[in-house]
Protein backbone atom coordinates (compact mmCIF):
# COMPACT_ATOMS: atom_id res chain seq x y z
CA UNK A 1 0.00 0.00 0.00
CA UNK A 2 2.88 2.41 0.82
CA UNK A 3 4.40 1.76 -2.61
CA UNK A 4 1.09 2.60 -4.29
CA UNK A 5 0.76 5.88 -2.36
CA UNK A 6 4.38 6.74 -3.11
CA UNK A 7 3.89 6.01 -6.83
CA UNK A 8 0.69 8.06 -6.95
CA UNK A 9 2.37 10.98 -5.19
CA UNK A 10 5.34 10.89 -7.55
CA UNK A 11 3.06 10.71 -10.58
CA UNK A 12 0.97 13.66 -9.36
CA UNK A 13 4.13 15.66 -8.72
CA UNK A 14 5.54 14.95 -12.19
CA UNK A 15 2.24 15.76 -13.88
CA UNK A 16 2.09 19.06 -12.00
CA UNK A 17 5.62 19.95 -13.12
CA UNK A 18 4.78 19.05 -16.70
CA UNK A 19 1.58 21.12 -16.65
CA UNK A 20 3.39 24.14 -15.24
CA UNK A 21 6.12 24.00 -17.84
CA UNK A 22 3.60 23.51 -20.65
CA UNK A 23 1.79 26.73 -19.68
CA UNK A 24 4.85 28.91 -20.10
CA UNK A 25 4.83 31.04 -23.21
CA UNK A 26 7.60 32.62 -25.23
CA UNK A 27 5.49 35.75 -25.77
CA UNK A 28 7.20 38.88 -24.48
CA UNK A 29 5.27 40.82 -21.81
CA UNK A 30 2.30 38.43 -21.86
CA UNK A 31 0.29 40.41 -19.28
CA UNK A 32 0.48 43.61 -21.35
CA UNK A 33 -2.20 44.63 -23.84
CA UNK A 34 -1.03 44.71 -27.44
CA UNK A 35 -0.33 48.25 -28.46
CA UNK A 36 2.27 50.81 -29.47
CA UNK A 37 3.93 50.94 -26.03
CA UNK A 38 4.43 47.19 -25.84
CA UNK A 39 5.75 47.02 -29.40
CA UNK A 40 8.10 49.97 -28.83
CA UNK A 41 9.63 48.36 -25.76
CA UNK A 42 10.07 44.99 -27.49
CA UNK A 43 11.64 46.65 -30.55
CA UNK A 44 13.98 48.71 -28.35
CA UNK A 45 15.16 45.67 -26.38
CA UNK A 46 15.64 43.66 -29.57
CA UNK A 47 17.65 46.51 -31.12
CA UNK A 48 19.98 47.21 -28.19
CA UNK A 49 20.66 43.50 -27.56
CA UNK A 50 21.42 42.61 -31.19
CA UNK A 51 25.21 42.54 -31.58
CA UNK A 52 24.92 43.48 -35.26
CA UNK A 53 22.88 46.64 -34.51
CA UNK A 54 24.45 50.10 -34.48
CA UNK A 55 22.53 50.79 -31.27
CA UNK A 56 23.89 47.68 -29.52
CA UNK A 57 24.57 48.21 -25.81
CA UNK A 58 27.05 45.90 -24.09
CA UNK A 59 25.61 44.01 -21.07
CA UNK A 60 27.93 45.85 -18.67
CA UNK A 61 26.51 49.19 -19.90
CA UNK A 62 22.83 48.23 -19.58
CA UNK A 63 20.91 49.80 -16.71
CA UNK A 64 17.29 49.07 -15.76
CA UNK A 65 15.15 50.89 -13.20
CA UNK A 66 12.07 49.24 -11.73
CA UNK A 67 9.40 50.61 -9.44
CA UNK A 68 6.39 49.07 -7.71
CA UNK A 69 3.81 50.19 -10.25
CA UNK A 70 5.83 51.45 -13.18
CA UNK A 71 6.04 55.05 -11.99
CA UNK A 72 8.87 56.67 -10.13
CA UNK A 73 8.01 57.95 -6.67
CA UNK A 74 9.02 61.42 -5.67
CA UNK A 75 11.83 60.82 -3.21
CA UNK A 76 12.76 64.40 -2.36
CA UNK A 77 12.32 65.51 0.33
CA UNK A 78 10.31 62.36 1.24
CA UNK A 79 8.11 59.68 -0.24
CA UNK A 80 4.53 60.73 -0.99
CA UNK A 81 3.36 57.86 1.21
CA UNK A 82 5.01 59.47 4.25
CA UNK A 83 3.83 63.01 3.50
CA UNK A 84 0.29 62.28 4.73
CA UNK A 85 1.38 60.72 8.05
CA UNK A 86 1.31 63.13 10.99
PDB file of N, CA and C in Angstrom:
ATOM      1  N   UNK A   1       0.819  -1.187   0.000  1.00  0.00           N
ATOM      2  CA  UNK A   1       0.000   0.000   0.000  1.00  0.00           C
ATOM      3  C   UNK A   1       0.872   1.264   0.000  1.00  0.00           C
ATOM      4  N   UNK A   2       1.987   1.250   0.765  1.00  0.00           N
ATOM      5  CA  UNK A   2       2.878   2.408   0.816  1.00  0.00           C
ATOM      6  C   UNK A   2       3.494   2.672  -0.555  1.00  0.00           C
ATOM      7  N   UNK A   3       3.816   1.594  -1.284  1.00  0.00           N
ATOM      8  CA  UNK A   3       4.398   1.761  -2.615  1.00  0.00           C
ATOM      9  C   UNK A   3       3.393   2.404  -3.565  1.00  0.00           C
ATOM     10  N   UNK A   4       2.130   2.033  -3.440  1.00  0.00           N
ATOM     11  CA  UNK A   4       1.085   2.596  -4.288  1.00  0.00           C
ATOM     12  C   UNK A   4       0.905   4.087  -3.998  1.00  0.00           C
ATOM     13  N   UNK A   5       0.900   4.467  -2.731  1.00  0.00           N
ATOM     14  CA  UNK A   5       0.760   5.881  -2.356  1.00  0.00           C
ATOM     15  C   UNK A   5       1.976   6.671  -2.828  1.00  0.00           C
ATOM     16  N   UNK A   6       3.149   6.085  -2.660  1.00  0.00           N
ATOM     17  CA  UNK A   6       4.375   6.744  -3.114  1.00  0.00           C
ATOM     18  C   UNK A   6       4.354   6.946  -4.629  1.00  0.00           C
ATOM     19  N   UNK A   7       3.956   5.922  -5.370  1.00  0.00           N
ATOM     20  CA  UNK A   7       3.894   6.006  -6.827  1.00  0.00           C
ATOM     21  C   UNK A   7       2.864   7.048  -7.269  1.00  0.00           C
ATOM     22  N   UNK A   8       1.723   7.083  -6.605  1.00  0.00           N
ATOM     23  CA  UNK A   8       0.687   8.060  -6.953  1.00  0.00           C
ATOM     24  C   UNK A   8       1.159   9.483  -6.663  1.00  0.00           C
ATOM     25  N   UNK A   9       1.852   9.667  -5.552  1.00  0.00           N
ATOM     26  CA  UNK A   9       2.371  10.980  -5.187  1.00  0.00           C
ATOM     27  C   UNK A   9       3.416  11.441  -6.198  1.00  0.00           C
ATOM     28  N   UNK A  10       4.316  10.556  -6.564  1.00  0.00           N
ATOM     29  CA  UNK A  10       5.345  10.891  -7.554  1.00  0.00           C
ATOM     30  C   UNK A  10       4.722  11.233  -8.906  1.00  0.00           C
ATOM     31  N   UNK A  11       3.733  10.462  -9.305  1.00  0.00           N
ATOM     32  CA  UNK A  11       3.057  10.708 -10.582  1.00  0.00           C
ATOM     33  C   UNK A  11       2.361  12.057 -10.562  1.00  0.00           C
ATOM     34  N   UNK A  12       1.662  12.368  -9.469  1.00  0.00           N
ATOM     35  CA  UNK A  12       0.975  13.658  -9.363  1.00  0.00           C
ATOM     36  C   UNK A  12       1.980  14.808  -9.401  1.00  0.00           C
ATOM     37  N   UNK A  13       3.099  14.638  -8.731  1.00  0.00           N
ATOM     38  CA  UNK A  13       4.135  15.662  -8.724  1.00  0.00           C
ATOM     39  C   UNK A  13       4.688  15.889 -10.130  1.00  0.00           C
ATOM     40  N   UNK A  14       4.993  14.832 -10.835  1.00  0.00           N
ATOM     41  CA  UNK A  14       5.541  14.954 -12.191  1.00  0.00           C
ATOM     42  C   UNK A  14       4.527  15.560 -13.152  1.00  0.00           C
ATOM     43  N   UNK A  15       3.273  15.189 -13.019  1.00  0.00           N
ATOM     44  CA  UNK A  15       2.239  15.763 -13.876  1.00  0.00           C
ATOM     45  C   UNK A  15       2.069  17.259 -13.609  1.00  0.00           C
ATOM     46  N   UNK A  16       2.182  17.653 -12.351  1.00  0.00           N
ATOM     47  CA  UNK A  16       2.093  19.064 -11.999  1.00  0.00           C
ATOM     48  C   UNK A  16       3.256  19.839 -12.611  1.00  0.00           C
ATOM     49  N   UNK A  17       4.452  19.297 -12.516  1.00  0.00           N
ATOM     50  CA  UNK A  17       5.615  19.949 -13.120  1.00  0.00           C
ATOM     51  C   UNK A  17       5.454  20.078 -14.627  1.00  0.00           C
ATOM     52  N   UNK A  18       4.979  19.032 -15.257  1.00  0.00           N
ATOM     53  CA  UNK A  18       4.784  19.051 -16.704  1.00  0.00           C
ATOM     54  C   UNK A  18       3.742  20.095 -17.087  1.00  0.00           C
ATOM     55  N   UNK A  19       2.642  20.164 -16.344  1.00  0.00           N
ATOM     56  CA  UNK A  19       1.582  21.121 -16.646  1.00  0.00           C
ATOM     57  C   UNK A  19       2.079  22.549 -16.485  1.00  0.00           C
ATOM     58  N   UNK A  20       2.868  22.800 -15.458  1.00  0.00           N
ATOM     59  CA  UNK A  20       3.393  24.145 -15.235  1.00  0.00           C
ATOM     60  C   UNK A  20       4.342  24.555 -16.345  1.00  0.00           C
ATOM     61  N   UNK A  21       5.182  23.662 -16.782  1.00  0.00           N
ATOM     62  CA  UNK A  21       6.124  23.998 -17.844  1.00  0.00           C
ATOM     63  C   UNK A  21       5.423  24.134 -19.182  1.00  0.00           C
ATOM     64  N   UNK A  22       4.331  23.422 -19.389  1.00  0.00           N
ATOM     65  CA  UNK A  22       3.598  23.506 -20.649  1.00  0.00           C
ATOM     66  C   UNK A  22       2.865  24.835 -20.774  1.00  0.00           C
ATOM     67  N   UNK A  23       2.526  25.485 -19.652  1.00  0.00           N
ATOM     68  CA  UNK A  23       1.788  26.735 -19.679  1.00  0.00           C
ATOM     69  C   UNK A  23       2.667  27.929 -19.992  1.00  0.00           C
ATOM     70  N   UNK A  24       3.964  27.798 -19.844  1.00  0.00           N
ATOM     71  CA  UNK A  24       4.855  28.910 -20.103  1.00  0.00           C
ATOM     72  C   UNK A  24       4.805  29.266 -21.577  1.00  0.00           C
ATOM     73  N   UNK A  25       4.906  30.557 -21.848  1.00  0.00           N
ATOM     74  CA  UNK A  25       4.833  31.043 -23.214  1.00  0.00           C
ATOM     75  C   UNK A  25       6.107  31.801 -23.547  1.00  0.00           C
ATOM     76  N   UNK A  26       6.420  31.865 -24.812  1.00  0.00           N
ATOM     77  CA  UNK A  26       7.597  32.618 -25.226  1.00  0.00           C
ATOM     78  C   UNK A  26       7.222  34.045 -25.605  1.00  0.00           C
ATOM     79  N   UNK A  27       5.940  34.396 -25.464  1.00  0.00           N
ATOM     80  CA  UNK A  27       5.494  35.747 -25.773  1.00  0.00           C
ATOM     81  C   UNK A  27       6.126  36.739 -24.799  1.00  0.00           C
ATOM     82  N   UNK A  28       6.605  37.843 -25.319  1.00  0.00           N
ATOM     83  CA  UNK A  28       7.197  38.878 -24.478  1.00  0.00           C
ATOM     84  C   UNK A  28       6.091  39.696 -23.832  1.00  0.00           C
ATOM     85  N   UNK A  29       6.227  40.013 -22.569  1.00  0.00           N
ATOM     86  CA  UNK A  29       5.273  40.817 -21.814  1.00  0.00           C
ATOM     87  C   UNK A  29       3.841  40.290 -21.970  1.00  0.00           C
ATOM     88  N   UNK A  30       3.608  39.033 -21.612  1.00  0.00           N
ATOM     89  CA  UNK A  30       2.296  38.427 -21.864  1.00  0.00           C
ATOM     90  C   UNK A  30       1.136  39.085 -21.125  1.00  0.00           C
ATOM     91  N   UNK A  31       1.390  39.780 -20.017  1.00  0.00           N
ATOM     92  CA  UNK A  31       0.291  40.407 -19.284  1.00  0.00           C
ATOM     93  C   UNK A  31      -0.049  41.797 -19.829  1.00  0.00           C
ATOM     94  N   UNK A  32       0.728  42.295 -20.765  1.00  0.00           N
ATOM     95  CA  UNK A  32       0.477  43.615 -21.346  1.00  0.00           C
ATOM     96  C   UNK A  32      -0.518  43.507 -22.487  1.00  0.00           C
ATOM     97  N   UNK A  33      -1.321  44.548 -22.677  1.00  0.00           N
ATOM     98  CA  UNK A  33      -2.199  44.627 -23.844  1.00  0.00           C
ATOM     99  C   UNK A  33      -1.350  44.932 -25.065  1.00  0.00           C
ATOM    100  N   UNK A  34      -1.743  44.385 -26.205  1.00  0.00           N
ATOM    101  CA  UNK A  34      -1.031  44.706 -27.439  1.00  0.00           C
ATOM    102  C   UNK A  34      -1.261  46.173 -27.758  1.00  0.00           C
ATOM    103  N   UNK A  35      -0.214  46.832 -28.138  1.00  0.00           N
ATOM    104  CA  UNK A  35      -0.333  48.251 -28.461  1.00  0.00           C
ATOM    105  C   UNK A  35       1.024  48.830 -28.791  1.00  0.00           C
ATOM    106  N   UNK A  36       1.040  50.129 -29.060  1.00  0.00           N
ATOM    107  CA  UNK A  36       2.267  50.808 -29.467  1.00  0.00           C
ATOM    108  C   UNK A  36       3.333  50.772 -28.378  1.00  0.00           C
ATOM    109  N   UNK A  37       2.944  50.943 -27.118  1.00  0.00           N
ATOM    110  CA  UNK A  37       3.933  50.944 -26.028  1.00  0.00           C
ATOM    111  C   UNK A  37       4.633  49.600 -25.920  1.00  0.00           C
ATOM    112  N   UNK A  38       3.853  48.535 -25.935  1.00  0.00           N
ATOM    113  CA  UNK A  38       4.430  47.194 -25.838  1.00  0.00           C
ATOM    114  C   UNK A  38       5.364  46.928 -27.013  1.00  0.00           C
ATOM    115  N   UNK A  39       4.927  47.262 -28.219  1.00  0.00           N
ATOM    116  CA  UNK A  39       5.753  47.022 -29.396  1.00  0.00           C
ATOM    117  C   UNK A  39       7.026  47.859 -29.371  1.00  0.00           C
ATOM    118  N   UNK A  40       6.921  49.099 -28.903  1.00  0.00           N
ATOM    119  CA  UNK A  40       8.104  49.966 -28.834  1.00  0.00           C
ATOM    120  C   UNK A  40       9.147  49.407 -27.876  1.00  0.00           C
ATOM    121  N   UNK A  41       8.701  48.924 -26.739  1.00  0.00           N
ATOM    122  CA  UNK A  41       9.630  48.355 -25.759  1.00  0.00           C
ATOM    123  C   UNK A  41      10.295  47.105 -26.318  1.00  0.00           C
ATOM    124  N   UNK A  42       9.511  46.227 -26.924  1.00  0.00           N
ATOM    125  CA  UNK A  42      10.067  44.994 -27.493  1.00  0.00           C
ATOM    126  C   UNK A  42      11.063  45.316 -28.596  1.00  0.00           C
ATOM    127  N   UNK A  43      10.725  46.265 -29.477  1.00  0.00           N
ATOM    128  CA  UNK A  43      11.640  46.651 -30.554  1.00  0.00           C
ATOM    129  C   UNK A  43      12.928  47.253 -29.987  1.00  0.00           C
ATOM    130  N   UNK A  44      12.801  48.099 -28.968  1.00  0.00           N
ATOM    131  CA  UNK A  44      13.981  48.711 -28.351  1.00  0.00           C
ATOM    132  C   UNK A  44      14.903  47.652 -27.772  1.00  0.00           C
ATOM    133  N   UNK A  45      14.342  46.723 -27.002  1.00  0.00           N
ATOM    134  CA  UNK A  45      15.159  45.674 -26.381  1.00  0.00           C
ATOM    135  C   UNK A  45      15.818  44.811 -27.451  1.00  0.00           C
ATOM    136  N   UNK A  46      15.063  44.467 -28.486  1.00  0.00           N
ATOM    137  CA  UNK A  46      15.645  43.663 -29.568  1.00  0.00           C
ATOM    138  C   UNK A  46      16.786  44.410 -30.254  1.00  0.00           C
ATOM    139  N   UNK A  47      16.631  45.710 -30.447  1.00  0.00           N
ATOM    140  CA  UNK A  47      17.654  46.514 -31.123  1.00  0.00           C
ATOM    141  C   UNK A  47      18.925  46.633 -30.291  1.00  0.00           C
ATOM    142  N   UNK A  48      18.785  46.959 -29.012  1.00  0.00           N
ATOM    143  CA  UNK A  48      19.981  47.206 -28.192  1.00  0.00           C
ATOM    144  C   UNK A  48      20.663  45.917 -27.732  1.00  0.00           C
ATOM    145  N   UNK A  49      20.024  44.765 -27.933  1.00  0.00           N
ATOM    146  CA  UNK A  49      20.662  43.501 -27.561  1.00  0.00           C
ATOM    147  C   UNK A  49      21.163  42.717 -28.768  1.00  0.00           C
ATOM    148  N   UNK A  50      20.940  43.261 -29.963  1.00  0.00           N
ATOM    149  CA  UNK A  50      21.416  42.613 -31.194  1.00  0.00           C
ATOM    150  C   UNK A  50      22.845  43.091 -31.475  1.00  0.00           C
ATOM    151  N   UNK A  51      23.801  42.176 -31.417  1.00  0.00           N
ATOM    152  CA  UNK A  51      25.211  42.544 -31.578  1.00  0.00           C
ATOM    153  C   UNK A  51      25.523  43.146 -32.944  1.00  0.00           C
ATOM    154  N   UNK A  52      24.678  42.923 -33.936  1.00  0.00           N
ATOM    155  CA  UNK A  52      24.922  43.483 -35.261  1.00  0.00           C
ATOM    156  C   UNK A  52      24.297  44.868 -35.430  1.00  0.00           C
ATOM    157  N   UNK A  53      23.558  45.339 -34.440  1.00  0.00           N
ATOM    158  CA  UNK A  53      22.885  46.636 -34.509  1.00  0.00           C
ATOM    159  C   UNK A  53      23.848  47.764 -34.165  1.00  0.00           C
ATOM    160  N   UNK A  54      23.641  48.926 -34.802  1.00  0.00           N
ATOM    161  CA  UNK A  54      24.449  50.101 -34.481  1.00  0.00           C
ATOM    162  C   UNK A  54      24.123  50.630 -33.088  1.00  0.00           C
ATOM    163  N   UNK A  55      22.935  50.335 -32.596  1.00  0.00           N
ATOM    164  CA  UNK A  55      22.525  50.790 -31.269  1.00  0.00           C
ATOM    165  C   UNK A  55      22.795  49.755 -30.178  1.00  0.00           C
ATOM    166  N   UNK A  56      23.583  48.742 -30.486  1.00  0.00           N
ATOM    167  CA  UNK A  56      23.893  47.684 -29.515  1.00  0.00           C
ATOM    168  C   UNK A  56      24.506  48.284 -28.255  1.00  0.00           C
ATOM    169  N   UNK A  57      24.018  47.784 -27.107  1.00  0.00           N
ATOM    170  CA  UNK A  57      24.566  48.207 -25.809  1.00  0.00           C
ATOM    171  C   UNK A  57      25.131  46.964 -25.123  1.00  0.00           C
ATOM    172  N   UNK A  58      26.398  47.030 -24.752  1.00  0.00           N
ATOM    173  CA  UNK A  58      27.051  45.903 -24.087  1.00  0.00           C
ATOM    174  C   UNK A  58      26.359  45.624 -22.750  1.00  0.00           C
ATOM    175  N   UNK A  59      26.282  44.353 -22.330  1.00  0.00           N
ATOM    176  CA  UNK A  59      25.609  44.013 -21.071  1.00  0.00           C
ATOM    177  C   UNK A  59      26.104  44.816 -19.874  1.00  0.00           C
ATOM    178  N   UNK A  60      27.385  45.104 -19.806  1.00  0.00           N
ATOM    179  CA  UNK A  60      27.931  45.855 -18.673  1.00  0.00           C
ATOM    180  C   UNK A  60      27.422  47.300 -18.648  1.00  0.00           C
ATOM    181  N   UNK A  61      26.981  47.802 -19.792  1.00  0.00           N
ATOM    182  CA  UNK A  61      26.512  49.188 -19.896  1.00  0.00           C
ATOM    183  C   UNK A  61      24.993  49.310 -19.744  1.00  0.00           C
ATOM    184  N   UNK A  62      24.297  48.203 -19.667  1.00  0.00           N
ATOM    185  CA  UNK A  62      22.832  48.229 -19.581  1.00  0.00           C
ATOM    186  C   UNK A  62      22.392  48.516 -18.151  1.00  0.00           C
ATOM    187  N   UNK A  63      21.450  49.436 -18.015  1.00  0.00           N
ATOM    188  CA  UNK A  63      20.913  49.797 -16.705  1.00  0.00           C
ATOM    189  C   UNK A  63      19.396  49.736 -16.800  1.00  0.00           C
ATOM    190  N   UNK A  64      18.753  49.139 -15.804  1.00  0.00           N
ATOM    191  CA  UNK A  64      17.294  49.073 -15.761  1.00  0.00           C
ATOM    192  C   UNK A  64      16.824  49.592 -14.409  1.00  0.00           C
ATOM    193  N   UNK A  65      15.737  50.356 -14.420  1.00  0.00           N
ATOM    194  CA  UNK A  65      15.152  50.891 -13.197  1.00  0.00           C
ATOM    195  C   UNK A  65      13.732  50.359 -13.094  1.00  0.00           C
ATOM    196  N   UNK A  66      13.402  49.796 -11.938  1.00  0.00           N
ATOM    197  CA  UNK A  66      12.073  49.236 -11.728  1.00  0.00           C
ATOM    198  C   UNK A  66      11.439  49.897 -10.510  1.00  0.00           C
ATOM    199  N   UNK A  67      10.131  50.054 -10.557  1.00  0.00           N
ATOM    200  CA  UNK A  67       9.404  50.613  -9.437  1.00  0.00           C
ATOM    201  C   UNK A  67       8.181  49.741  -9.201  1.00  0.00           C
ATOM    202  N   UNK A  68       7.508  49.923  -8.080  1.00  0.00           N
ATOM    203  CA  UNK A  68       6.386  49.075  -7.713  1.00  0.00           C
ATOM    204  C   UNK A  68       5.289  49.031  -8.765  1.00  0.00           C
ATOM    205  N   UNK A  69       4.934  50.167  -9.327  1.00  0.00           N
ATOM    206  CA  UNK A  69       3.809  50.194 -10.251  1.00  0.00           C
ATOM    207  C   UNK A  69       4.154  50.789 -11.607  1.00  0.00           C
ATOM    208  N   UNK A  70       5.425  50.924 -11.883  1.00  0.00           N
ATOM    209  CA  UNK A  70       5.830  51.452 -13.175  1.00  0.00           C
ATOM    210  C   UNK A  70       6.053  52.950 -13.179  1.00  0.00           C
ATOM    211  N   UNK A  71       5.767  53.623 -12.092  1.00  0.00           N
ATOM    212  CA  UNK A  71       6.035  55.051 -11.993  1.00  0.00           C
ATOM    213  C   UNK A  71       7.168  55.249 -11.000  1.00  0.00           C
ATOM    214  N   UNK A  72       7.793  56.368 -11.079  1.00  0.00           N
ATOM    215  CA  UNK A  72       8.867  56.671 -10.130  1.00  0.00           C
ATOM    216  C   UNK A  72       8.307  57.566  -9.036  1.00  0.00           C
ATOM    217  N   UNK A  73       8.480  57.168  -7.801  1.00  0.00           N
ATOM    218  CA  UNK A  73       8.008  57.953  -6.669  1.00  0.00           C
ATOM    219  C   UNK A  73       8.863  59.205  -6.527  1.00  0.00           C
ATOM    220  N   UNK A  74       8.249  60.235  -6.034  1.00  0.00           N
ATOM    221  CA  UNK A  74       9.024  61.416  -5.671  1.00  0.00           C
ATOM    222  C   UNK A  74       9.756  61.087  -4.378  1.00  0.00           C
ATOM    223  N   UNK A  75      11.054  61.200  -4.384  1.00  0.00           N
ATOM    224  CA  UNK A  75      11.828  60.820  -3.208  1.00  0.00           C
ATOM    225  C   UNK A  75      12.423  62.029  -2.489  1.00  0.00           C
ATOM    226  N   UNK A  76      12.196  63.228  -2.994  1.00  0.00           N
ATOM    227  CA  UNK A  76      12.765  64.403  -2.363  1.00  0.00           C
ATOM    228  C   UNK A  76      11.654  65.347  -1.973  1.00  0.00           C
ATOM    229  N   UNK A  77      11.492  65.840  -0.807  1.00  0.00           N
ATOM    230  CA  UNK A  77      12.322  65.509   0.331  1.00  0.00           C
ATOM    231  C   UNK A  77      11.910  64.205   1.001  1.00  0.00           C
ATOM    232  N   UNK A  78      10.707  63.634   0.651  1.00  0.00           N
ATOM    233  CA  UNK A  78      10.312  62.357   1.236  1.00  0.00           C
ATOM    234  C   UNK A  78       9.323  61.673   0.303  1.00  0.00           C
ATOM    235  N   UNK A  79       9.084  60.406   0.545  1.00  0.00           N
ATOM    236  CA  UNK A  79       8.110  59.676  -0.242  1.00  0.00           C
ATOM    237  C   UNK A  79       6.722  60.264  -0.051  1.00  0.00           C
ATOM    238  N   UNK A  80       5.904  60.256  -1.087  1.00  0.00           N
ATOM    239  CA  UNK A  80       4.526  60.728  -0.985  1.00  0.00           C
ATOM    240  C   UNK A  80       3.769  59.965   0.105  1.00  0.00           C
ATOM    241  N   UNK A  81       4.067  58.685   0.235  1.00  0.00           N
ATOM    242  CA  UNK A  81       3.357  57.860   1.215  1.00  0.00           C
ATOM    243  C   UNK A  81       3.567  58.367   2.645  1.00  0.00           C
ATOM    244  N   UNK A  82       4.718  58.970   2.912  1.00  0.00           N
ATOM    245  CA  UNK A  82       5.009  59.466   4.251  1.00  0.00           C
ATOM    246  C   UNK A  82       4.505  60.895   4.458  1.00  0.00           C
ATOM    247  N   UNK A  83       4.228  61.617   3.380  1.00  0.00           N
ATOM    248  CA  UNK A  83       3.830  63.007   3.499  1.00  0.00           C
ATOM    249  C   UNK A  83       2.501  63.165   4.222  1.00  0.00           C
ATOM    250  N   UNK A  84       1.603  62.185   4.100  1.00  0.00           N
ATOM    251  CA  UNK A  84       0.288  62.281   4.726  1.00  0.00           C
ATOM    252  C   UNK A  84       0.264  61.818   6.166  1.00  0.00           C
ATOM    253  N   UNK A  85       1.334  61.220   6.670  1.00  0.00           N
ATOM    254  CA  UNK A  85       1.380  60.723   8.045  1.00  0.00           C
ATOM    255  C   UNK A  85       1.782  61.863   8.977  1.00  0.00           C
ATOM    256  N   UNK A  86       0.976  62.064  10.025  1.00  0.00           N
ATOM    257  CA  UNK A  86       1.309  63.133  10.994  1.00  0.00           C
ATOM    258  C   UNK A  86       1.321  62.606  12.359  1.00  0.00           C
TER     259      UNK A  86
END
